[in-house]
């Protein structure tokens, strides 16, 4: 898992069947790396989120990046 901030939305009229009805969000890591992730939890722009990689929706469909959690706080010790 990696920590990202949602910085925008992505709109795609044509996509694979497993992505129909799913929200796509543009996420940015602290190092500036940007990815597009499928929102599984109802995140929005400005949210800090946890992103997981490689999720199979079926034998034929793979979601590379998916948002699996909205972060409430981060504590460093």
PDB file of N, CA and C in Angstrom:
ATOM      1  N   UNK A   1       0.834  -1.179   0.000  1.00  0.00           N
ATOM      2  CA  UNK A   1       0.000   0.000   0.000  1.00  0.00           C
ATOM      3  C   UNK A   1       0.877   1.240   0.000  1.00  0.00           C
ATOM      4  N   UNK A   2       0.325   2.302  -0.586  1.00  0.00           N
ATOM      5  CA  UNK A   2       1.010   3.590  -0.583  1.00  0.00           C
ATOM      6  C   UNK A   2       0.020   4.678  -0.220  1.00  0.00           C
ATOM      7  N   UNK A   3       0.551   5.774   0.308  1.00  0.00           N
ATOM      8  CA  UNK A   3      -0.263   6.915   0.700  1.00  0.00           C
ATOM      9  C   UNK A   3      -0.254   7.944  -0.429  1.00  0.00           C
ATOM     10  N   UNK A   4      -1.442   8.401  -0.827  1.00  0.00           N
ATOM     11  CA  UNK A   4      -1.596   9.388  -1.887  1.00  0.00           C
ATOM     12  C   UNK A   4      -2.598  10.449  -1.456  1.00  0.00           C
ATOM     13  N   UNK A   5      -2.603  11.575  -2.178  1.00  0.00           N
ATOM     14  CA  UNK A   5      -3.640  12.595  -2.035  1.00  0.00           C
ATOM     15  C   UNK A   5      -4.389  12.644  -3.360  1.00  0.00           C
ATOM     16  N   UNK A   6      -5.720  12.652  -3.287  1.00  0.00           N
ATOM     17  CA  UNK A   6      -6.530  12.748  -4.494  1.00  0.00           C
ATOM     18  C   UNK A   6      -6.488  14.194  -4.974  1.00  0.00           C
ATOM     19  N   UNK A   7      -6.052  14.392  -6.230  1.00  0.00           N
ATOM     20  CA  UNK A   7      -5.893  15.739  -6.768  1.00  0.00           C
ATOM     21  C   UNK A   7      -6.835  16.026  -7.935  1.00  0.00           C
ATOM     22  N   UNK A   8      -7.594  15.041  -8.373  1.00  0.00           N
ATOM     23  CA  UNK A   8      -8.518  15.277  -9.482  1.00  0.00           C
ATOM     24  C   UNK A   8      -9.304  14.043  -9.848  1.00  0.00           C
ATOM     25  N   UNK A   9     -10.167  14.207 -10.821  1.00  0.00           N
ATOM     26  CA  UNK A   9     -10.972  13.091 -11.321  1.00  0.00           C
ATOM     27  C   UNK A   9     -10.593  12.813 -12.769  1.00  0.00           C
ATOM     28  N   UNK A  10     -10.873  11.598 -13.207  1.00  0.00           N
ATOM     29  CA  UNK A  10     -10.601  11.190 -14.583  1.00  0.00           C
ATOM     30  C   UNK A  10     -11.912  10.701 -15.178  1.00  0.00           C
ATOM     31  N   UNK A  11     -12.262  11.229 -16.353  1.00  0.00           N
ATOM     32  CA  UNK A  11     -13.494  10.820 -17.023  1.00  0.00           C
ATOM     33  C   UNK A  11     -13.119  10.033 -18.275  1.00  0.00           C
ATOM     34  N   UNK A  12     -13.738   8.868 -18.430  1.00  0.00           N
ATOM     35  CA  UNK A  12     -13.485   8.024 -19.585  1.00  0.00           C
ATOM     36  C   UNK A  12     -14.817   7.471 -20.085  1.00  0.00           C
ATOM     37  N   UNK A  13     -15.196   7.848 -21.307  1.00  0.00           N
ATOM     38  CA  UNK A  13     -16.461   7.369 -21.855  1.00  0.00           C
ATOM     39  C   UNK A  13     -16.386   5.905 -22.263  1.00  0.00           C
ATOM     40  N   UNK A  14     -15.234   5.479 -22.727  1.00  0.00           N
ATOM     41  CA  UNK A  14     -15.044   4.090 -23.145  1.00  0.00           C
ATOM     42  C   UNK A  14     -14.059   3.418 -22.200  1.00  0.00           C
ATOM     43  N   UNK A  15     -14.477   2.313 -21.600  1.00  0.00           N
ATOM     44  CA  UNK A  15     -13.589   1.572 -20.698  1.00  0.00           C
ATOM     45  C   UNK A  15     -14.025   0.125 -20.623  1.00  0.00           C
ATOM     46  N   UNK A  16     -13.185  -0.701 -20.043  1.00  0.00           N
ATOM     47  CA  UNK A  16     -13.508  -2.116 -19.907  1.00  0.00           C
ATOM     48  C   UNK A  16     -14.746  -2.293 -19.042  1.00  0.00           C
ATOM     49  N   UNK A  17     -15.435  -3.388 -19.273  1.00  0.00           N
ATOM     50  CA  UNK A  17     -16.682  -3.688 -18.575  1.00  0.00           C
ATOM     51  C   UNK A  17     -16.533  -3.642 -17.055  1.00  0.00           C
ATOM     52  N   UNK A  18     -15.402  -4.113 -16.530  1.00  0.00           N
ATOM     53  CA  UNK A  18     -15.218  -4.158 -15.071  1.00  0.00           C
ATOM     54  C   UNK A  18     -15.095  -2.761 -14.461  1.00  0.00           C
ATOM     55  N   UNK A  19     -14.887  -1.725 -15.289  1.00  0.00           N
ATOM     56  CA  UNK A  19     -14.750  -0.354 -14.793  1.00  0.00           C
ATOM     57  C   UNK A  19     -16.023   0.480 -14.959  1.00  0.00           C
ATOM     58  N   UNK A  20     -17.023  -0.069 -15.622  1.00  0.00           N
ATOM     59  CA  UNK A  20     -18.272   0.671 -15.821  1.00  0.00           C
ATOM     60  C   UNK A  20     -18.917   0.930 -14.458  1.00  0.00           C
ATOM     61  N   UNK A  21     -19.259   2.195 -14.225  1.00  0.00           N
ATOM     62  CA  UNK A  21     -19.872   2.585 -12.959  1.00  0.00           C
ATOM     63  C   UNK A  21     -18.882   2.877 -11.851  1.00  0.00           C
ATOM     64  N   UNK A  22     -17.588   2.730 -12.120  1.00  0.00           N
ATOM     65  CA  UNK A  22     -16.551   2.989 -11.120  1.00  0.00           C
ATOM     66  C   UNK A  22     -15.989   4.394 -11.324  1.00  0.00           C
ATOM     67  N   UNK A  23     -15.669   5.074 -10.218  1.00  0.00           N
ATOM     68  CA  UNK A  23     -15.082   6.413 -10.258  1.00  0.00           C
ATOM     69  C   UNK A  23     -13.561   6.277 -10.349  1.00  0.00           C
ATOM     70  N   UNK A  24     -12.963   7.026 -11.260  1.00  0.00           N
ATOM     71  CA  UNK A  24     -11.514   7.040 -11.434  1.00  0.00           C
ATOM     72  C   UNK A  24     -10.971   8.354 -10.882  1.00  0.00           C
ATOM     73  N   UNK A  25      -9.953   8.274 -10.026  1.00  0.00           N
ATOM     74  CA  UNK A  25      -9.398   9.459  -9.388  1.00  0.00           C
ATOM     75  C   UNK A  25      -7.910   9.585  -9.675  1.00  0.00           C
ATOM     76  N   UNK A  26      -7.469  10.821  -9.892  1.00  0.00           N
ATOM     77  CA  UNK A  26      -6.055  11.123 -10.079  1.00  0.00           C
ATOM     78  C   UNK A  26      -5.440  11.332  -8.702  1.00  0.00           C
ATOM     79  N   UNK A  27      -4.413  10.559  -8.386  1.00  0.00           N
ATOM     80  CA  UNK A  27      -3.798  10.588  -7.058  1.00  0.00           C
ATOM     81  C   UNK A  27      -2.323  10.948  -7.186  1.00  0.00           C
ATOM     82  N   UNK A  28      -1.818  11.704  -6.195  1.00  0.00           N
ATOM     83  CA  UNK A  28      -0.423  12.146  -6.209  1.00  0.00           C
ATOM     84  C   UNK A  28       0.270  11.749  -4.916  1.00  0.00           C
ATOM     85  N   UNK A  29       1.445  11.139  -5.030  1.00  0.00           N
ATOM     86  CA  UNK A  29       2.255  10.755  -3.876  1.00  0.00           C
ATOM     87  C   UNK A  29       3.103  11.946  -3.429  1.00  0.00           C
ATOM     88  N   UNK A  30       3.712  11.840  -2.268  1.00  0.00           N
ATOM     89  CA  UNK A  30       4.554  12.909  -1.723  1.00  0.00           C
ATOM     90  C   UNK A  30       5.729  13.233  -2.648  1.00  0.00           C
ATOM     91  N   UNK A  31       6.205  12.240  -3.404  1.00  0.00           N
ATOM     92  CA  UNK A  31       7.328  12.465  -4.316  1.00  0.00           C
ATOM     93  C   UNK A  31       6.902  13.037  -5.670  1.00  0.00           C
ATOM     94  N   UNK A  32       5.598  13.332  -5.817  1.00  0.00           N
ATOM     95  CA  UNK A  32       5.094  13.920  -7.053  1.00  0.00           C
ATOM     96  C   UNK A  32       4.587  12.917  -8.072  1.00  0.00           C
ATOM     97  N   UNK A  33       4.807  11.625  -7.835  1.00  0.00           N
ATOM     98  CA  UNK A  33       4.336  10.598  -8.756  1.00  0.00           C
ATOM     99  C   UNK A  33       2.811  10.611  -8.784  1.00  0.00           C
ATOM    100  N   UNK A  34       2.245  10.572  -9.985  1.00  0.00           N
ATOM    101  CA  UNK A  34       0.787  10.556 -10.144  1.00  0.00           C
ATOM    102  C   UNK A  34       0.326   9.243 -10.747  1.00  0.00           C
ATOM    103  N   UNK A  35      -0.826   8.784 -10.278  1.00  0.00           N
ATOM    104  CA  UNK A  35      -1.443   7.569 -10.793  1.00  0.00           C
ATOM    105  C   UNK A  35      -2.943   7.795 -10.917  1.00  0.00           C
ATOM    106  N   UNK A  36      -3.597   6.949 -11.683  1.00  0.00           N
ATOM    107  CA  UNK A  36      -5.057   6.902 -11.717  1.00  0.00           C
ATOM    108  C   UNK A  36      -5.462   5.639 -10.978  1.00  0.00           C
ATOM    109  N   UNK A  37      -6.383   5.795 -10.012  1.00  0.00           N
ATOM    110  CA  UNK A  37      -6.830   4.659  -9.207  1.00  0.00           C
ATOM    111  C   UNK A  37      -8.350   4.562  -9.227  1.00  0.00           C
ATOM    112  N   UNK A  38      -8.850   3.345  -9.129  1.00  0.00           N
ATOM    113  CA  UNK A  38     -10.285   3.107  -9.046  1.00  0.00           C
ATOM    114  C   UNK A  38     -10.714   3.312  -7.599  1.00  0.00           C
ATOM    115  N   UNK A  39     -11.730   4.150  -7.393  1.00  0.00           N
ATOM    116  CA  UNK A  39     -12.223   4.445  -6.042  1.00  0.00           C
ATOM    117  C   UNK A  39     -13.169   3.337  -5.587  1.00  0.00           C
ATOM    118  N   UNK A  40     -12.794   2.649  -4.504  1.00  0.00           N
ATOM    119  CA  UNK A  40     -13.615   1.570  -3.952  1.00  0.00           C
ATOM    120  C   UNK A  40     -14.327   1.999  -2.671  1.00  0.00           C
ATOM    121  N   UNK A  41     -14.053   3.228  -2.169  1.00  0.00           N
ATOM    122  CA  UNK A  41     -14.530   3.602  -0.829  1.00  0.00           C
ATOM    123  C   UNK A  41     -15.240   4.950  -0.755  1.00  0.00           C
ATOM    124  N   UNK A  42     -15.410   5.658  -1.852  1.00  0.00           N
ATOM    125  CA  UNK A  42     -16.101   6.944  -1.814  1.00  0.00           C
ATOM    126  C   UNK A  42     -15.216   8.127  -1.493  1.00  0.00           C
ATOM    127  N   UNK A  43     -13.964   8.079  -1.910  1.00  0.00           N
ATOM    128  CA  UNK A  43     -13.034   9.191  -1.692  1.00  0.00           C
ATOM    129  C   UNK A  43     -13.366  10.336  -2.638  1.00  0.00           C
ATOM    130  N   UNK A  44     -12.776  11.496  -2.378  1.00  0.00           N
ATOM    131  CA  UNK A  44     -12.981  12.653  -3.242  1.00  0.00           C
ATOM    132  C   UNK A  44     -11.729  13.501  -3.306  1.00  0.00           C
ATOM    133  N   UNK A  45     -11.767  14.528  -4.127  1.00  0.00           N
ATOM    134  CA  UNK A  45     -10.627  15.425  -4.285  1.00  0.00           C
ATOM    135  C   UNK A  45     -10.274  16.026  -2.924  1.00  0.00           C
ATOM    136  N   UNK A  46      -8.988  15.996  -2.592  1.00  0.00           N
ATOM    137  CA  UNK A  46      -8.500  16.498  -1.308  1.00  0.00           C
ATOM    138  C   UNK A  46      -8.313  15.415  -0.267  1.00  0.00           C
ATOM    139  N   UNK A  47      -8.871  14.232  -0.485  1.00  0.00           N
ATOM    140  CA  UNK A  47      -8.740  13.135   0.476  1.00  0.00           C
ATOM    141  C   UNK A  47      -7.340  12.538   0.444  1.00  0.00           C
ATOM    142  N   UNK A  48      -6.826  12.173   1.617  1.00  0.00           N
ATOM    143  CA  UNK A  48      -5.625  11.345   1.706  1.00  0.00           C
ATOM    144  C   UNK A  48      -6.116   9.912   1.683  1.00  0.00           C
ATOM    145  N   UNK A  49      -5.514   9.089   0.816  1.00  0.00           N
ATOM    146  CA  UNK A  49      -6.028   7.737   0.608  1.00  0.00           C
ATOM    147  C   UNK A  49      -4.915   6.697   0.617  1.00  0.00           C
ATOM    148  N   UNK A  50      -5.305   5.463   0.895  1.00  0.00           N
ATOM    149  CA  UNK A  50      -4.422   4.311   0.769  1.00  0.00           C
ATOM    150  C   UNK A  50      -4.733   3.619  -0.551  1.00  0.00           C
ATOM    151  N   UNK A  51      -3.687   3.344  -1.322  1.00  0.00           N
ATOM    152  CA  UNK A  51      -3.855   2.715  -2.623  1.00  0.00           C
ATOM    153  C   UNK A  51      -3.140   1.367  -2.613  1.00  0.00           C
ATOM    154  N   UNK A  52      -3.856   0.354  -3.087  1.00  0.00           N
ATOM    155  CA  UNK A  52      -3.310  -0.994  -3.189  1.00  0.00           C
ATOM    156  C   UNK A  52      -3.160  -1.335  -4.665  1.00  0.00           C
ATOM    157  N   UNK A  53      -2.238  -2.219  -4.973  1.00  0.00           N
ATOM    158  CA  UNK A  53      -1.973  -2.601  -6.354  1.00  0.00           C
ATOM    159  C   UNK A  53      -2.536  -3.965  -6.684  1.00  0.00           C
ATOM    160  N   UNK A  54      -2.796  -4.182  -7.958  1.00  0.00           N
ATOM    161  CA  UNK A  54      -3.122  -5.478  -8.554  1.00  0.00           C
ATOM    162  C   UNK A  54      -4.272  -6.206  -7.872  1.00  0.00           C
ATOM    163  N   UNK A  55      -5.467  -5.910  -8.301  1.00  0.00           N
ATOM    164  CA  UNK A  55      -6.674  -6.546  -7.785  1.00  0.00           C
ATOM    165  C   UNK A  55      -7.412  -7.185  -8.952  1.00  0.00           C
ATOM    166  N   UNK A  56      -7.616  -8.495  -8.896  1.00  0.00           N
ATOM    167  CA  UNK A  56      -8.342  -9.193  -9.949  1.00  0.00           C
ATOM    168  C   UNK A  56      -9.829  -9.165  -9.642  1.00  0.00           C
ATOM    169  N   UNK A  57     -10.642  -8.606 -10.573  1.00  0.00           N
ATOM    170  CA  UNK A  57     -12.088  -8.620 -10.404  1.00  0.00           C
ATOM    171  C   UNK A  57     -12.667  -9.935 -10.917  1.00  0.00           C
ATOM    172  N   UNK A  58     -11.949 -10.589 -11.804  1.00  0.00           N
ATOM    173  CA  UNK A  58     -12.289 -11.917 -12.319  1.00  0.00           C
ATOM    174  C   UNK A  58     -11.030 -12.446 -12.981  1.00  0.00           C
ATOM    175  N   UNK A  59     -11.121 -13.603 -13.602  1.00  0.00           N
ATOM    176  CA  UNK A  59      -9.934 -14.168 -14.241  1.00  0.00           C
ATOM    177  C   UNK A  59      -9.428 -13.297 -15.382  1.00  0.00           C
ATOM    178  N   UNK A  60     -10.323 -12.537 -16.028  1.00  0.00           N
ATOM    179  CA  UNK A  60      -9.924 -11.743 -17.185  1.00  0.00           C
ATOM    180  C   UNK A  60      -9.632 -10.287 -16.858  1.00  0.00           C
ATOM    181  N   UNK A  61     -10.126  -9.789 -15.726  1.00  0.00           N
ATOM    182  CA  UNK A  61     -10.042  -8.356 -15.441  1.00  0.00           C
ATOM    183  C   UNK A  61      -9.111  -8.065 -14.270  1.00  0.00           C
ATOM    184  N   UNK A  62      -8.218  -7.110 -14.499  1.00  0.00           N
ATOM    185  CA  UNK A  62      -7.261  -6.700 -13.481  1.00  0.00           C
ATOM    186  C   UNK A  62      -7.345  -5.188 -13.299  1.00  0.00           C
ATOM    187  N   UNK A  63      -7.495  -4.745 -12.051  1.00  0.00           N
ATOM    188  CA  UNK A  63      -7.411  -3.327 -11.735  1.00  0.00           C
ATOM    189  C   UNK A  63      -6.030  -3.100 -11.146  1.00  0.00           C
ATOM    190  N   UNK A  64      -5.202  -2.290 -11.810  1.00  0.00           N
ATOM    191  CA  UNK A  64      -3.824  -2.071 -11.384  1.00  0.00           C
ATOM    192  C   UNK A  64      -3.724  -1.330 -10.053  1.00  0.00           C
ATOM    193  N   UNK A  65      -4.508  -0.283  -9.881  1.00  0.00           N
ATOM    194  CA  UNK A  65      -4.448   0.542  -8.675  1.00  0.00           C
ATOM    195  C   UNK A  65      -5.870   0.767  -8.172  1.00  0.00           C
ATOM    196  N   UNK A  66      -6.092   0.554  -6.878  1.00  0.00           N
ATOM    197  CA  UNK A  66      -7.424   0.794  -6.325  1.00  0.00           C
ATOM    198  C   UNK A  66      -7.312   1.479  -4.975  1.00  0.00           C
ATOM    199  N   UNK A  67      -8.211   2.408  -4.714  1.00  0.00           N
ATOM    200  CA  UNK A  67      -8.252   3.106  -3.432  1.00  0.00           C
ATOM    201  C   UNK A  67      -9.024   2.222  -2.463  1.00  0.00           C
ATOM    202  N   UNK A  68      -8.355   1.841  -1.355  1.00  0.00           N
ATOM    203  CA  UNK A  68      -8.977   0.919  -0.411  1.00  0.00           C
ATOM    204  C   UNK A  68      -9.244   1.535   0.946  1.00  0.00           C
ATOM    205  N   UNK A  69      -8.839   2.792   1.149  1.00  0.00           N
ATOM    206  CA  UNK A  69      -9.085   3.433   2.439  1.00  0.00           C
ATOM    207  C   UNK A  69      -8.902   4.941   2.376  1.00  0.00           C
ATOM    208  N   UNK A  70      -9.700   5.649   3.191  1.00  0.00           N
ATOM    209  CA  UNK A  70      -9.546   7.098   3.341  1.00  0.00           C
ATOM    210  C   UNK A  70      -8.847   7.325   4.681  1.00  0.00           C
ATOM    211  N   UNK A  71      -7.740   8.049   4.663  1.00  0.00           N
ATOM    212  CA  UNK A  71      -6.901   8.242   5.855  1.00  0.00           C
ATOM    213  C   UNK A  71      -7.464   9.375   6.708  1.00  0.00           C
ATOM    214  N   UNK A  72      -7.657   9.099   7.992  1.00  0.00           N
ATOM    215  CA  UNK A  72      -8.105  10.122   8.946  1.00  0.00           C
ATOM    216  C   UNK A  72      -6.920  10.914   9.489  1.00  0.00           C
ATOM    217  N   UNK A  73      -5.821  10.228   9.813  1.00  0.00           N
ATOM    218  CA  UNK A  73      -4.644  10.905  10.331  1.00  0.00           C
ATOM    219  C   UNK A  73      -3.429  10.006  10.171  1.00  0.00           C
ATOM    220  N   UNK A  74      -2.261  10.639  10.211  1.00  0.00           N
ATOM    221  CA  UNK A  74      -0.978   9.921  10.152  1.00  0.00           C
ATOM    222  C   UNK A  74      -0.142  10.390  11.326  1.00  0.00           C
ATOM    223  N   UNK A  75       0.370   9.449  12.108  1.00  0.00           N
ATOM    224  CA  UNK A  75       1.204   9.789  13.265  1.00  0.00           C
ATOM    225  C   UNK A  75       2.587   9.174  13.066  1.00  0.00           C
ATOM    226  N   UNK A  76       3.597  10.000  13.141  1.00  0.00           N
ATOM    227  CA  UNK A  76       4.975   9.512  13.048  1.00  0.00           C
ATOM    228  C   UNK A  76       5.595   9.507  14.432  1.00  0.00           C
ATOM    229  N   UNK A  77       6.373   8.479  14.727  1.00  0.00           N
ATOM    230  CA  UNK A  77       7.002   8.429  16.061  1.00  0.00           C
ATOM    231  C   UNK A  77       8.505   8.504  15.962  1.00  0.00           C
TER     232      UNK A  77
END
